[in-house]
PDB file of N, CA and C in Angstrom:
ATOM      1  N   MET A   1      46.034 143.770 132.278  1.00  0.00           N
ATOM      2  CA  MET A   1      46.811 143.704 133.099  1.00  0.00           C
ATOM      3  C   MET A   1      47.144 145.116 133.275  1.00  0.00           C
ATOM      4  N   ASN A   2      47.892 145.552 133.839  1.00  0.00           N
ATOM      5  CA  ASN A   2      47.742 146.981 134.814  1.00  0.00           C
ATOM      6  C   ASN A   2      49.386 147.345 133.859  1.00  0.00           C
ATOM      7  N   GLU A   3      49.158 148.725 133.306  1.00  0.00           N
ATOM      8  CA  GLU A   3      50.441 149.409 132.498  1.00  0.00           C
ATOM      9  C   GLU A   3      51.193 150.338 133.240  1.00  0.00           C
ATOM     10  N   HIS A   4      52.185 149.928 133.450  1.00  0.00           N
ATOM     11  CA  HIS A   4      52.999 150.783 134.043  1.00  0.00           C
ATOM     12  C   HIS A   4      54.214 151.382 133.768  1.00  0.00           C
ATOM     13  N   THR A   5      54.741 152.154 133.847  1.00  0.00           N
ATOM     14  CA  THR A   5      55.531 152.756 133.612  1.00  0.00           C
ATOM     15  C   THR A   5      56.570 152.913 134.610  1.00  0.00           C
ATOM     16  N   TYR A   6      57.887 152.573 134.148  1.00  0.00           N
ATOM     17  CA  TYR A   6      59.168 152.724 135.224  1.00  0.00           C
ATOM     18  C   TYR A   6      60.618 153.544 134.806  1.00  0.00           C
ATOM     19  N   GLU A   7      60.783 154.886 135.195  1.00  0.00           N
ATOM     20  CA  GLU A   7      61.734 155.163 134.724  1.00  0.00           C
ATOM     21  C   GLU A   7      63.225 154.729 135.189  1.00  0.00           C
ATOM     22  N   SER A   8      63.202 154.452 136.339  1.00  0.00           N
ATOM     23  CA  SER A   8      64.571 153.976 136.368  1.00  0.00           C
ATOM     24  C   SER A   8      64.455 152.513 137.117  1.00  0.00           C
ATOM     25  N   LEU A   9      65.559 151.844 136.747  1.00  0.00           N
ATOM     26  CA  LEU A   9      65.592 150.697 137.692  1.00  0.00           C
ATOM     27  C   LEU A   9      64.986 150.199 139.547  1.00  0.00           C
ATOM     28  N   ALA A  10      65.876 151.608 140.027  1.00  0.00           N
ATOM     29  CA  ALA A  10      65.344 151.267 140.911  1.00  0.00           C
ATOM     30  C   ALA A  10      63.839 151.481 141.331  1.00  0.00           C
ATOM     31  N   GLU A  11      62.991 152.210 140.657  1.00  0.00           N
ATOM     32  CA  GLU A  11      61.476 152.274 140.781  1.00  0.00           C
ATOM     33  C   GLU A  11      60.911 150.486 139.918  1.00  0.00           C
ATOM     34  N   LEU A  12      61.518 149.807 139.392  1.00  0.00           N
ATOM     35  CA  LEU A  12      61.172 148.681 139.259  1.00  0.00           C
ATOM     36  C   LEU A  12      61.438 147.679 140.681  1.00  0.00           C
ATOM     37  N   ARG A  13      63.080 148.048 141.177  1.00  0.00           N
ATOM     38  CA  ARG A  13      63.100 147.153 142.229  1.00  0.00           C
ATOM     39  C   ARG A  13      62.228 147.640 143.434  1.00  0.00           C
ATOM     40  N   ALA A  14      61.688 148.917 143.918  1.00  0.00           N
ATOM     41  CA  ALA A  14      61.250 149.086 144.303  1.00  0.00           C
ATOM     42  C   ALA A  14      59.724 148.961 144.706  1.00  0.00           C
ATOM     43  N   ALA A  15      58.690 148.331 143.412  1.00  0.00           N
ATOM     44  CA  ALA A  15      57.474 147.835 142.964  1.00  0.00           C
ATOM     45  C   ALA A  15      58.013 146.301 143.255  1.00  0.00           C
ATOM     46  N   LEU A  16      58.986 145.519 142.639  1.00  0.00           N
ATOM     47  CA  LEU A  16      59.002 144.088 143.247  1.00  0.00           C
ATOM     48  C   LEU A  16      59.541 144.514 144.846  1.00  0.00           C
ATOM     49  N   GLY A  17      60.056 145.301 145.296  1.00  0.00           N
ATOM     50  CA  GLY A  17      60.295 144.795 146.419  1.00  0.00           C
ATOM     51  C   GLY A  17      59.287 144.476 147.216  1.00  0.00           C
ATOM     52  N   LYS A  18      57.807 145.139 147.218  1.00  0.00           N
ATOM     53  CA  LYS A  18      56.424 145.668 147.337  1.00  0.00           C
ATOM     54  C   LYS A  18      55.288 144.432 147.448  1.00  0.00           C
ATOM     55  N   ARG A  19      55.502 144.564 146.037  1.00  0.00           N
ATOM     56  CA  ARG A  19      54.949 143.142 145.653  1.00  0.00           C
ATOM     57  C   ARG A  19      55.564 141.290 146.732  1.00  0.00           C
ATOM     58  N   MET A  20      56.516 141.711 146.744  1.00  0.00           N
ATOM     59  CA  MET A  20      57.059 140.363 147.073  1.00  0.00           C
ATOM     60  C   MET A  20      56.512 140.775 149.149  1.00  0.00           C
ATOM     61  N   ARG A  21      56.869 141.511 149.484  1.00  0.00           N
ATOM     62  CA  ARG A  21      56.504 141.691 150.634  1.00  0.00           C
ATOM     63  C   ARG A  21      54.630 141.754 150.958  1.00  0.00           C
ATOM     64  N   GLN A  22      54.154 142.165 149.838  1.00  0.00           N
ATOM     65  CA  GLN A  22      52.767 141.545 149.683  1.00  0.00           C
ATOM     66  C   GLN A  22      52.367 140.232 149.750  1.00  0.00           C
ATOM     67  N   VAL A  23      52.975 139.428 149.041  1.00  0.00           N
ATOM     68  CA  VAL A  23      52.607 137.919 149.185  1.00  0.00           C
ATOM     69  C   VAL A  23      53.214 137.028 150.335  1.00  0.00           C
ATOM     70  N   ARG A  24      54.500 137.722 150.964  1.00  0.00           N
ATOM     71  CA  ARG A  24      54.559 137.540 152.153  1.00  0.00           C
ATOM     72  C   ARG A  24      53.607 137.459 153.299  1.00  0.00           C
ATOM     73  N   LEU A  25      53.562 138.769 153.322  1.00  0.00           N
ATOM     74  CA  LEU A  25      52.461 139.006 154.335  1.00  0.00           C
ATOM     75  C   LEU A  25      50.897 138.780 154.126  1.00  0.00           C
ATOM     76  N   SER A  26      50.380 138.423 152.662  1.00  0.00           N
ATOM     77  CA  SER A  26      49.554 137.434 152.254  1.00  0.00           C
ATOM     78  C   SER A  26      49.510 136.410 152.682  1.00  0.00           C
ATOM     79  N   ARG A  27      50.706 135.156 153.090  1.00  0.00           N
ATOM     80  CA  ARG A  27      50.632 133.960 153.810  1.00  0.00           C
ATOM     81  C   ARG A  27      51.595 134.306 154.982  1.00  0.00           C
ATOM     82  N   ASN A  28      51.075 135.385 155.884  1.00  0.00           N
ATOM     83  CA  ASN A  28      51.250 135.307 156.969  1.00  0.00           C
ATOM     84  C   ASN A  28      52.632 135.094 157.840  1.00  0.00           C
ATOM     85  N   MET A  29      53.293 135.259 156.948  1.00  0.00           N
ATOM     86  CA  MET A  29      54.396 135.245 157.837  1.00  0.00           C
ATOM     87  C   MET A  29      55.178 135.787 157.978  1.00  0.00           C
ATOM     88  N   ASP A  30      56.391 135.759 158.667  1.00  0.00           N
ATOM     89  CA  ASP A  30      57.367 137.343 159.359  1.00  0.00           C
ATOM     90  C   ASP A  30      58.996 137.235 158.645  1.00  0.00           C
ATOM     91  N   GLN A  31      58.879 138.353 158.621  1.00  0.00           N
ATOM     92  CA  GLN A  31      60.622 137.781 157.772  1.00  0.00           C
ATOM     93  C   GLN A  31      61.537 137.380 158.101  1.00  0.00           C
ATOM     94  N   ARG A  32      61.876 136.541 159.359  1.00  0.00           N
ATOM     95  CA  ARG A  32      62.453 136.181 160.041  1.00  0.00           C
ATOM     96  C   ARG A  32      62.138 134.731 159.575  1.00  0.00           C
ATOM     97  N   ALA A  33      61.249 134.051 159.315  1.00  0.00           N
ATOM     98  CA  ALA A  33      60.289 132.972 159.294  1.00  0.00           C
ATOM     99  C   ALA A  33      60.139 132.830 157.665  1.00  0.00           C
ATOM    100  N   THR A  34      60.541 133.660 156.403  1.00  0.00           N
ATOM    101  CA  THR A  34      60.665 133.961 155.226  1.00  0.00           C
ATOM    102  C   THR A  34      61.646 133.484 155.537  1.00  0.00           C
ATOM    103  N   ALA A  35      62.910 133.555 155.755  1.00  0.00           N
ATOM    104  CA  ALA A  35      64.211 133.982 155.212  1.00  0.00           C
ATOM    105  C   ALA A  35      64.946 132.580 155.792  1.00  0.00           C
ATOM    106  N   GLU A  36      64.424 132.322 156.982  1.00  0.00           N
ATOM    107  CA  GLU A  36      64.583 130.894 157.162  1.00  0.00           C
ATOM    108  C   GLU A  36      64.258 129.756 156.599  1.00  0.00           C
ATOM    109  N   LYS A  37      63.640 129.581 155.835  1.00  0.00           N
ATOM    110  CA  LYS A  37      62.728 129.117 154.973  1.00  0.00           C
ATOM    111  C   LYS A  37      63.355 128.871 153.907  1.00  0.00           C
ATOM    112  N   ALA A  38      63.782 130.179 153.158  1.00  0.00           N
ATOM    113  CA  ALA A  38      64.226 130.047 152.564  1.00  0.00           C
ATOM    114  C   ALA A  38      66.035 129.936 152.331  1.00  0.00           C
ATOM    115  N   GLY A  39      66.762 129.765 153.290  1.00  0.00           N
ATOM    116  CA  GLY A  39      67.856 129.974 153.171  1.00  0.00           C
ATOM    117  C   GLY A  39      68.799 131.156 153.366  1.00  0.00           C
ATOM    118  N   ILE A  40      67.902 132.016 153.205  1.00  0.00           N
ATOM    119  CA  ILE A  40      68.572 133.601 153.479  1.00  0.00           C
ATOM    120  C   ILE A  40      68.554 134.148 154.484  1.00  0.00           C
ATOM    121  N   SER A  41      69.651 135.520 154.923  1.00  0.00           N
ATOM    122  CA  SER A  41      69.642 136.324 155.859  1.00  0.00           C
ATOM    123  C   SER A  41      68.454 137.239 155.809  1.00  0.00           C
ATOM    124  N   GLU A  42      67.501 137.407 156.668  1.00  0.00           N
ATOM    125  CA  GLU A  42      66.879 138.600 157.258  1.00  0.00           C
ATOM    126  C   GLU A  42      67.660 139.660 156.111  1.00  0.00           C
ATOM    127  N   ARG A  43      69.255 139.684 156.470  1.00  0.00           N
ATOM    128  CA  ARG A  43      68.966 141.096 155.680  1.00  0.00           C
ATOM    129  C   ARG A  43      68.834 141.171 153.840  1.00  0.00           C
ATOM    130  N   ALA A  44      68.730 140.106 154.204  1.00  0.00           N
ATOM    131  CA  ALA A  44      68.691 139.916 152.017  1.00  0.00           C
ATOM    132  C   ALA A  44      67.575 140.084 151.950  1.00  0.00           C
ATOM    133  N   LEU A  45      66.222 139.351 152.612  1.00  0.00           N
ATOM    134  CA  LEU A  45      64.834 139.724 152.368  1.00  0.00           C
ATOM    135  C   LEU A  45      64.850 141.256 152.611  1.00  0.00           C
ATOM    136  N   ARG A  46      65.153 141.696 154.052  1.00  0.00           N
ATOM    137  CA  ARG A  46      64.724 143.199 153.932  1.00  0.00           C
ATOM    138  C   ARG A  46      65.117 144.039 152.668  1.00  0.00           C
ATOM    139  N   LYS A  47      66.298 143.826 152.150  1.00  0.00           N
ATOM    140  CA  LYS A  47      67.019 144.663 150.733  1.00  0.00           C
ATOM    141  C   LYS A  47      66.299 143.895 149.451  1.00  0.00           C
ATOM    142  N   LEU A  48      65.903 142.727 149.615  1.00  0.00           N
ATOM    143  CA  LEU A  48      64.594 142.795 148.223  1.00  0.00           C
ATOM    144  C   LEU A  48      63.240 143.401 148.817  1.00  0.00           C
ATOM    145  N   GLU A  49      63.145 143.557 149.702  1.00  0.00           N
ATOM    146  CA  GLU A  49      61.378 143.735 150.162  1.00  0.00           C
ATOM    147  C   GLU A  49      61.628 145.732 149.880  1.00  0.00           C
ATOM    148  N   ASN A  50      62.701 145.808 150.033  1.00  0.00           N
ATOM    149  CA  ASN A  50      63.288 146.965 150.281  1.00  0.00           C
ATOM    150  C   ASN A  50      63.325 148.135 148.986  1.00  0.00           C
ATOM    151  N   GLY A  51      63.797 147.317 148.223  1.00  0.00           N
ATOM    152  CA  GLY A  51      64.332 147.462 146.795  1.00  0.00           C
ATOM    153  C   GLY A  51      65.461 147.604 146.712  1.00  0.00           C
ATOM    154  N   HIS A  52      66.822 147.302 147.289  1.00  0.00           N
ATOM    155  CA  HIS A  52      67.811 147.786 147.369  1.00  0.00           C
ATOM    156  C   HIS A  52      69.003 146.868 146.818  1.00  0.00           C
ATOM    157  N   GLY A  53      68.187 146.474 145.868  1.00  0.00           N
ATOM    158  CA  GLY A  53      69.473 145.374 144.912  1.00  0.00           C
ATOM    159  C   GLY A  53      69.154 144.303 146.014  1.00  0.00           C
ATOM    160  N   SER A  54      69.364 143.030 145.265  1.00  0.00           N
ATOM    161  CA  SER A  54      68.653 142.132 145.746  1.00  0.00           C
ATOM    162  C   SER A  54      69.795 140.662 144.449  1.00  0.00           C
ATOM    163  N   SER A  55      70.237 139.348 144.856  1.00  0.00           N
ATOM    164  CA  SER A  55      70.129 138.943 143.359  1.00  0.00           C
ATOM    165  C   SER A  55      69.547 138.108 142.927  1.00  0.00           C
ATOM    166  N   VAL A  56      68.776 137.342 142.048  1.00  0.00           N
ATOM    167  CA  VAL A  56      68.486 136.603 141.498  1.00  0.00           C
ATOM    168  C   VAL A  56      68.045 134.880 142.227  1.00  0.00           C
ATOM    169  N   GLU A  57      69.004 134.728 142.956  1.00  0.00           N
ATOM    170  CA  GLU A  57      68.922 133.454 143.842  1.00  0.00           C
ATOM    171  C   GLU A  57      68.558 133.795 144.629  1.00  0.00           C
ATOM    172  N   THR A  58      68.352 135.122 145.750  1.00  0.00           N
ATOM    173  CA  THR A  58      67.885 135.450 147.015  1.00  0.00           C
ATOM    174  C   THR A  58      66.106 135.234 146.545  1.00  0.00           C
ATOM    175  N   LEU A  59      65.373 136.578 145.629  1.00  0.00           N
ATOM    176  CA  LEU A  59      64.481 136.088 144.788  1.00  0.00           C
ATOM    177  C   LEU A  59      63.793 135.078 144.409  1.00  0.00           C
ATOM    178  N   LEU A  60      64.563 134.034 143.818  1.00  0.00           N
ATOM    179  CA  LEU A  60      63.976 132.289 143.906  1.00  0.00           C
ATOM    180  C   LEU A  60      64.018 131.786 145.203  1.00  0.00           C
ATOM    181  N   ARG A  61      64.498 131.980 145.935  1.00  0.00           N
ATOM    182  CA  ARG A  61      64.638 131.372 147.113  1.00  0.00           C
ATOM    183  C   ARG A  61      63.170 131.893 148.071  1.00  0.00           C
ATOM    184  N   THR A  62      63.317 133.397 148.024  1.00  0.00           N
ATOM    185  CA  THR A  62      61.926 133.886 148.297  1.00  0.00           C
ATOM    186  C   THR A  62      60.669 133.459 147.865  1.00  0.00           C
ATOM    187  N   LEU A  63      60.836 133.616 146.560  1.00  0.00           N
ATOM    188  CA  LEU A  63      59.420 132.704 145.879  1.00  0.00           C
ATOM    189  C   LEU A  63      59.153 130.804 146.709  1.00  0.00           C
ATOM    190  N   LYS A  64      59.903 130.645 146.541  1.00  0.00           N
ATOM    191  CA  LYS A  64      59.969 129.293 146.677  1.00  0.00           C
ATOM    192  C   LYS A  64      59.417 129.020 147.758  1.00  0.00           C
ATOM    193  N   ALA A  65      60.349 130.119 148.844  1.00  0.00           N
ATOM    194  CA  ALA A  65      59.945 129.479 150.288  1.00  0.00           C
ATOM    195  C   ALA A  65      58.721 130.062 150.978  1.00  0.00           C
ATOM    196  N   LEU A  66      57.821 131.228 149.642  1.00  0.00           N
ATOM    197  CA  LEU A  66      56.756 131.129 149.970  1.00  0.00           C
ATOM    198  C   LEU A  66      55.548 130.915 148.867  1.00  0.00           C
ATOM    199  N   ASP A  67      55.874 129.362 149.044  1.00  0.00           N
ATOM    200  CA  ASP A  67      55.020 129.130 148.108  1.00  0.00           C
ATOM    201  C   ASP A  67      54.309 129.928 146.518  1.00  0.00           C
ATOM    202  N   TYR A  68      55.118 129.717 145.949  1.00  0.00           N
ATOM    203  CA  TYR A  68      54.526 131.097 144.965  1.00  0.00           C
ATOM    204  C   TYR A  68      55.976 130.982 143.477  1.00  0.00           C
ATOM    205  N   VAL A  69      56.142 129.592 143.244  1.00  0.00           N
ATOM    206  CA  VAL A  69      57.016 129.777 141.984  1.00  0.00           C
ATOM    207  C   VAL A  69      56.093 130.197 140.544  1.00  0.00           C
ATOM    208  N   GLN A  70      55.022 130.491 141.133  1.00  0.00           N
ATOM    209  CA  GLN A  70      53.980 130.597 139.965  1.00  0.00           C
ATOM    210  C   GLN A  70      54.439 132.108 139.555  1.00  0.00           C
ATOM    211  N   GLY A  71      54.698 132.772 140.708  1.00  0.00           N
ATOM    212  CA  GLY A  71      55.528 134.604 140.656  1.00  0.00           C
ATOM    213  C   GLY A  71      56.303 134.117 139.817  1.00  0.00           C
ATOM    214  N   ILE A  72      57.518 133.276 138.995  1.00  0.00           N
ATOM    215  CA  ILE A  72      58.135 133.033 137.962  1.00  0.00           C
ATOM    216  C   ILE A  72      57.659 133.146 136.434  1.00  0.00           C
ATOM    217  N   ASP A  73      55.870 132.430 136.641  1.00  0.00           N
ATOM    218  CA  ASP A  73      55.686 132.622 135.363  1.00  0.00           C
ATOM    219  C   ASP A  73      54.741 134.054 134.576  1.00  0.00           C
ATOM    220  N   ALA A  74      54.862 134.211 135.968  1.00  0.00           N
ATOM    221  CA  ALA A  74      54.606 135.888 135.743  1.00  0.00           C
ATOM    222  C   ALA A  74      55.556 137.006 135.629  1.00  0.00           C
ATOM    223  N   LEU A  75      56.718 136.673 136.457  1.00  0.00           N
ATOM    224  CA  LEU A  75      58.289 137.379 135.411  1.00  0.00           C
ATOM    225  C   LEU A  75      58.604 137.409 133.826  1.00  0.00           C
ATOM    226  N   ALA A  76      58.299 135.470 133.800  1.00  0.00           N
ATOM    227  CA  ALA A  76      58.879 135.610 132.878  1.00  0.00           C
ATOM    228  C   ALA A  76      58.162 134.210 132.024  1.00  0.00           C
ATOM    229  N   PRO A  77      56.888 134.921 131.085  1.00  0.00           N
ATOM    230  CA  PRO A  77      56.211 133.323 130.634  1.00  0.00           C
ATOM    231  C   PRO A  77      56.179 132.766 130.069  1.00  0.00           C
ATOM    232  N   GLN A  78      55.953 131.337 129.480  1.00  0.00           N
ATOM    233  CA  GLN A  78      56.641 130.981 127.902  1.00  0.00           C
ATOM    234  C   GLN A  78      56.275 131.567 127.088  1.00  0.00           C
ATOM    235  N   VAL A  79      56.653 130.815 126.461  1.00  0.00           N
ATOM    236  CA  VAL A  79      56.183 132.039 124.972  1.00  0.00           C
ATOM    237  C   VAL A  79      55.853 130.393 124.082  1.00  0.00           C
ATOM    238  N   THR A  80      54.451 130.670 123.958  1.00  0.00           N
ATOM    239  CA  THR A  80      53.534 129.436 123.012  1.00  0.00           C
ATOM    240  C   THR A  80      53.864 130.028 121.299  1.00  0.00           C
ATOM    241  N   VAL A  81      53.875 131.167 120.941  1.00  0.00           N
ATOM    242  CA  VAL A  81      53.206 131.398 119.549  1.00  0.00           C
ATOM    243  C   VAL A  81      55.116 131.994 119.447  1.00  0.00           C
ATOM    244  N   ASN A  82      55.749 131.749 118.288  1.00  0.00           N
ATOM    245  CA  ASN A  82      56.676 132.577 118.172  1.00  0.00           C
ATOM    246  C   ASN A  82      56.438 133.730 117.036  1.00  0.00           C
ATOM    247  N   PRO A  83      56.678 134.739 116.831  1.00  0.00           N
ATOM    248  CA  PRO A  83      55.990 136.384 116.355  1.00  0.00           C
ATOM    249  C   PRO A  83      56.540 135.733 114.621  1.00  0.00           C
ATOM    250  N   MET A  84      58.389 135.861 114.853  1.00  0.00           N
ATOM    251  CA  MET A  84      59.435 135.528 113.869  1.00  0.00           C
ATOM    252  C   MET A  84      58.126 134.393 112.640  1.00  0.00           C
ATOM    253  N   THR A  85      58.357 133.522 113.472  1.00  0.00           N
ATOM    254  CA  THR A  85      57.558 132.062 112.182  1.00  0.00           C
ATOM    255  C   THR A  85      55.962 132.785 111.648  1.00  0.00           C
ATOM    256  N   LEU A  86      55.674 133.377 112.932  1.00  0.00           N
ATOM    257  CA  LEU A  86      54.498 134.036 111.714  1.00  0.00           C
ATOM    258  C   LEU A  86      54.872 134.885 110.731  1.00  0.00           C
ATOM    259  N   LEU A  87      55.677 135.443 111.269  1.00  0.00           N
ATOM    260  CA  LEU A  87      55.902 136.214 109.750  1.00  0.00           C
ATOM    261  C   LEU A  87      56.699 135.666 108.713  1.00  0.00           C
ATOM    262  N   ARG A  88      56.890 134.850 108.521  1.00  0.00           N
ATOM    263  CA  ARG A  88      57.574 133.674 108.116  1.00  0.00           C
ATOM    264  C   ARG A  88      56.403 133.149 107.165  1.00  0.00           C
ATOM    265  N   SER A  89      55.492 133.064 108.087  1.00  0.00           N
ATOM    266  CA  SER A  89      54.626 131.853 106.851  1.00  0.00           C
ATOM    267  C   SER A  89      54.113 132.229 105.768  1.00  0.00           C
ATOM    268  N   SER A  90      53.701 131.155 105.206  1.00  0.00           N
ATOM    269  CA  SER A  90      53.077 131.677 103.975  1.00  0.00           C
ATOM    270  C   SER A  90      51.307 132.879 104.349  1.00  0.00           C
ATOM    271  N   LYS A  91      50.650 132.829 103.131  1.00  0.00           N
ATOM    272  CA  LYS A  91      49.213 133.106 103.639  1.00  0.00           C
ATOM    273  C   LYS A  91      48.615 132.490 104.703  1.00  0.00           C
ATOM    274  N   PRO A  92      48.282 133.401 105.291  1.00  0.00           N
ATOM    275  CA  PRO A  92      46.881 133.052 106.294  1.00  0.00           C
ATOM    276  C   PRO A  92      45.728 131.447 105.347  1.00  0.00           C
ATOM    277  N   PRO A  93      45.871 130.560 106.400  1.00  0.00           N
ATOM    278  CA  PRO A  93      44.182 129.422 105.316  1.00  0.00           C
ATOM    279  C   PRO A  93      43.265 130.177 105.077  1.00  0.00           C
ATOM    280  N   GLN A  94      43.631 129.598 103.960  1.00  0.00           N
ATOM    281  CA  GLN A  94      41.473 130.524 103.681  1.00  0.00           C
ATOM    282  C   GLN A  94      40.322 129.352 103.371  1.00  0.00           C
ATOM    283  N   ARG A  95      39.183 129.642 103.481  1.00  0.00           N
ATOM    284  CA  ARG A  95      38.001 128.552 103.374  1.00  0.00           C
ATOM    285  C   ARG A  95      38.303 127.593 102.986  1.00  0.00           C
ATOM    286  N   VAL A  96      38.081 126.293 103.424  1.00  0.00           N
ATOM    287  CA  VAL A  96      37.944 125.253 102.182  1.00  0.00           C
ATOM    288  C   VAL A  96      36.550 125.039 101.622  1.00  0.00           C
ATOM    289  N   ARG A  97      37.398 124.565 100.283  1.00  0.00           N
ATOM    290  CA  ARG A  97      35.999 124.485  99.064  1.00  0.00           C
ATOM    291  C   ARG A  97      35.947 123.455  98.857  1.00  0.00           C
ATOM    292  N   ARG A  98      34.796 122.921  98.667  1.00  0.00           N
ATOM    293  CA  ARG A  98      34.681 121.489  98.228  1.00  0.00           C
ATOM    294  C   ARG A  98      35.147 121.722  96.551  1.00  0.00           C
ATOM    295  N   PRO A  99      35.936 119.782  95.934  1.00  0.00           N
ATOM    296  CA  PRO A  99      36.259 120.185  95.163  1.00  0.00           C
ATOM    297  C   PRO A  99      34.512 120.509  93.998  1.00  0.00           C
ATOM    298  N   HIS A 100      35.185 120.871  92.946  1.00  0.00           N
ATOM    299  CA  HIS A 100      33.787 120.105  91.643  1.00  0.00           C
ATOM    300  C   HIS A 100      33.706 119.721  91.013  1.00  0.00           C
ATOM    301  N   GLY A 101      32.331 118.896  90.773  1.00  0.00           N
ATOM    302  CA  GLY A 101      32.938 117.864  90.197  1.00  0.00           C
ATOM    303  C   GLY A 101      31.154 117.810  89.054  1.00  0.00           C
ATOM    304  N   PRO A 102      30.973 116.928  87.866  1.00  0.00           N
ATOM    305  CA  PRO A 102      30.011 116.733  87.891  1.00  0.00           C
ATOM    306  C   PRO A 102      29.006 116.924  88.609  1.00  0.00           C
ATOM    307  N   ARG A 103      27.663 117.798  88.242  1.00  0.00           N
ATOM    308  CA  ARG A 103      26.296 117.977  89.097  1.00  0.00           C
ATOM    309  C   ARG A 103      25.621 116.782  88.639  1.00  0.00           C
ATOM    310  N   LYS A 104      24.580 116.686  89.548  1.00  0.00           N
ATOM    311  CA  LYS A 104      23.566 115.719  89.137  1.00  0.00           C
ATOM    312  C   LYS A 104      22.368 116.098  88.417  1.00  0.00           C
ATOM    313  N   ALA A 105      21.702 115.923  87.718  1.00  0.00           N
ATOM    314  CA  ALA A 105      20.538 116.318  86.927  1.00  0.00           C
ATOM    315  C   ALA A 105      19.409 116.280  88.512  1.00  0.00           C
ATOM    316  N   GLY A 106      18.754 117.539  88.183  1.00  0.00           N
ATOM    317  CA  GLY A 106      18.201 117.635  89.552  1.00  0.00           C
ATOM    318  C   GLY A 106      18.362 118.260  91.270  1.00  0.00           C
ATOM    319  N   VAL A 107      19.647 118.453  90.934  1.00  0.00           N
ATOM    320  CA  VAL A 107      20.595 118.798  92.321  1.00  0.00           C
ATOM    321  C   VAL A 107      20.186 120.635  92.478  1.00  0.00           C
TER     322      VAL A 107
END
């Protein structure tokens, strides 16, 4: 995964908008068709793609219109391991040992 450092929210919005535009273009859709399918105005889509601020509603509608809802998983992946639970757990599991019992002669 690429590590990016963003100094401001404006840089983050611009990067998100650029990526949304790339997804739209990779789907071979123009702004008008995408906005219509998303149920938003072309102006709202242009604002999103240009990084000039947008609502979460516009973002989600656009992702859905582009059949790219997996983008939501990329934005906010589901947590599978709770780090606090790991910290609270007791010692990590050790290797399993056989119980010691009486040994048989000749073994």
